[in-house]
Amino acid sequence: MRLLQPALAALKRPIVLVQPPYAPQALALDALGIPPTQLIWIRNTGKSADALWAAEQILRSGCCGALLLWQQHVRSEALRRLHLAAQSGETLFCLMRPLAAAQDASPAPLRLALRPAAGGLEIDFVKRRGPQRDAPLFLPLTPSLLQRHAPLDRPAPAPAPARSVLPELVG
């Protein structure tokens, strides 16, 4: 989600999540600048065909700013239908699939393979318009807790003033 955050935060229309692997967290979305009230969550129905049908209808209607769909297996006919529906509207469409699906054919003009790396994310361009990119792109990601807060410069505490001790107390 952090990779898509700039695009999602700029949207003014609803954002639909279809079958995400985890329940959306309102506080995390708010921290990313995505109002939780802008989110529509379609839970896992257990039937891939239902999720694909819902995604296609959302894309065809053009009612949303973005559609994020998570699927394990998608047949090529379904990919083609989703691609055509996405081209007909102005909805940002992202299909998340397992890394093993990178070797499968797809009509999508941009396909990325994402892998976690120390301190960030490694992005392989599986398919893109223009010349092929052989080397992966490294995107540094700072932990989200450190992003919103700048370090504070605090002055060193002033030394405690010297105290005078009454002569009666000394020795």
Foldseek 3Di string as FASTA:
>chain_A
DLVCLVVQLPDPAAEEEEADVDDDDQVVCVLSNHHPVSYHYHHDPVDPVVSLVVLLVCLQVQRGQEYEYEDADDDAVSLVSNVVSNVVYNHHYHYDYDLVCLPPDHPDQWDWRWDDDVQFIWIATSHHPDDHDDHTDTDGDDPSVPPPDDDDDDDDDDDDDDDDDDPVPDD
